[in-house]
Protein backbone atom coordinates (compact mmCIF):
# COMPACT_ATOMS: atom_id res chain seq x y z
CA MET A 1 7.94 49.34 11.75
CA GLY A 2 9.85 46.30 13.21
CA LYS A 3 9.39 43.02 11.85
CA LYS A 4 6.79 40.58 13.66
CA LYS A 5 8.27 38.24 16.06
CA PRO A 6 7.21 34.56 14.78
CA ARG A 7 4.95 32.49 17.02
CA ALA A 8 6.09 29.58 18.72
CA ARG A 9 4.57 26.26 17.09
CA ARG A 10 1.84 25.26 19.36
CA SER A 11 0.32 21.81 19.29
CA PHE A 12 -3.35 21.17 20.18
CA THR A 13 -5.39 17.94 21.29
CA ARG A 14 -7.81 16.30 18.87
CA GLU A 15 -10.68 17.13 21.04
CA PHE A 16 -9.70 20.80 21.04
CA LYS A 17 -9.55 20.62 17.19
CA ALA A 18 -13.03 18.83 17.18
CA GLU A 19 -14.42 21.39 19.34
CA ILE A 20 -13.07 24.23 16.98
CA VAL A 21 -14.35 22.23 13.77
CA GLU A 22 -17.77 21.89 15.42
CA LEU A 23 -17.98 25.71 16.30
CA CYS A 24 -17.19 26.39 12.68
CA GLN A 25 -19.46 23.82 11.08
CA ARG A 26 -22.66 25.18 13.73
CA GLY A 27 -22.47 28.52 11.48
CA ASP A 28 -23.10 30.60 14.41
CA ARG A 29 -19.69 32.50 13.71
CA SER A 30 -17.50 32.46 10.60
CA ILE A 31 -14.21 30.89 10.53
CA SER A 32 -12.12 33.91 10.73
CA GLN A 33 -14.15 35.04 13.79
CA VAL A 34 -13.64 31.51 15.77
CA ALA A 35 -9.91 31.83 14.65
CA LYS A 36 -9.61 35.34 16.16
CA ASP A 37 -11.78 34.38 19.25
CA PHE A 38 -9.27 31.38 20.05
CA ASP A 39 -6.09 33.16 18.81
CA LEU A 40 -5.42 30.62 15.94
CA THR A 41 -4.56 31.36 12.29
CA GLU A 42 -7.37 30.95 9.84
CA THR A 43 -5.39 28.51 7.80
CA ALA A 44 -5.10 26.13 10.67
CA VAL A 45 -8.57 26.13 11.31
CA ARG A 46 -9.39 25.65 7.60
CA GLN A 47 -7.00 22.77 7.66
CA TRP A 48 -8.64 21.05 10.59
CA ILE A 49 -12.04 21.61 9.07
CA ALA A 50 -10.82 19.92 5.84
CA GLN A 51 -9.34 17.00 7.74
CA ALA A 52 -12.43 16.32 9.67
CA GLU A 53 -14.47 16.44 6.46
CA ARG A 54 -11.86 13.62 4.98
CA ASP A 55 -12.16 11.61 8.36
CA ALA A 56 -16.09 11.67 7.94
CA GLY A 57 -15.88 10.77 4.31
CA VAL A 58 -17.41 13.87 3.20
CA ARG A 59 -14.04 14.78 1.30
CA ALA A 60 -12.28 12.50 -0.86
CA ASP A 61 -9.09 14.51 -1.48
CA GLY A 62 -6.06 13.26 0.77
CA LEU A 63 -5.71 10.75 3.65
CA SER A 64 -7.82 10.20 6.61
CA THR A 65 -6.37 10.58 10.12
CA ASP A 66 -6.53 6.78 10.48
CA GLU A 67 -4.83 6.52 6.98
CA ARG A 68 -2.05 8.88 7.81
CA ASP A 69 -1.17 7.21 11.22
CA GLU A 70 -0.97 3.89 9.33
CA LEU A 71 1.33 5.39 6.75
CA ALA A 72 3.45 6.73 9.35
CA ARG A 73 3.47 3.36 11.27
CA LEU A 74 4.36 1.44 8.05
CA ARG A 75 7.01 3.92 6.89
CA ARG A 76 8.70 3.53 10.39
CA GLU A 77 8.38 -0.28 10.18
CA ASN A 78 10.03 -0.30 6.71
CA ARG A 79 12.89 1.88 7.64
CA ARG A 80 13.64 -0.42 10.45
CA LEU A 81 13.28 -3.59 8.34
CA SER A 82 15.57 -1.98 5.71
CA GLU A 83 18.07 -1.28 8.45
CA ASP A 84 17.92 -5.01 9.59
CA VAL A 85 18.54 -6.23 5.95
CA GLU A 86 21.53 -3.81 5.79
CA ILE A 87 22.93 -5.21 8.94
CA LEU A 88 22.59 -8.67 7.80
CA LYS A 89 24.18 -7.98 4.32
CA ARG A 90 27.16 -6.74 6.49
CA ALA A 91 27.36 -9.75 8.91
CA THR A 92 26.92 -12.03 5.81
CA ALA A 93 30.04 -10.41 4.06
CA PHE A 94 31.95 -10.68 7.28
CA PHE A 95 31.47 -14.30 7.98
CA ALA A 96 32.03 -14.80 4.16
CA LYS A 97 35.46 -13.57 4.63
CA GLU A 98 36.17 -15.50 7.88
CA ILE A 99 35.20 -18.96 6.23
CA ARG A 100 37.78 -18.36 3.28
């Protein structure tokens, strides 16, 4: 038997994920059946359900989607500000040499 070719990484909209979560939470079909029907991995569907529960406040472990977005934004801003500080330090050192 040959090795199975890895699947290309796919991205899904929030609306699609919400629809899949709703199908699973209705209870008509199992998570594995929904995953098979939509050609998804069962792990991905379980993660979407867990994230939806965090967002709804049902589950306390981990960050909600809004908190994740805010954390990513703050990390980007922190990185930019750190770069700005580094540039200012270099400029200060440069001009300090000029004055002497």
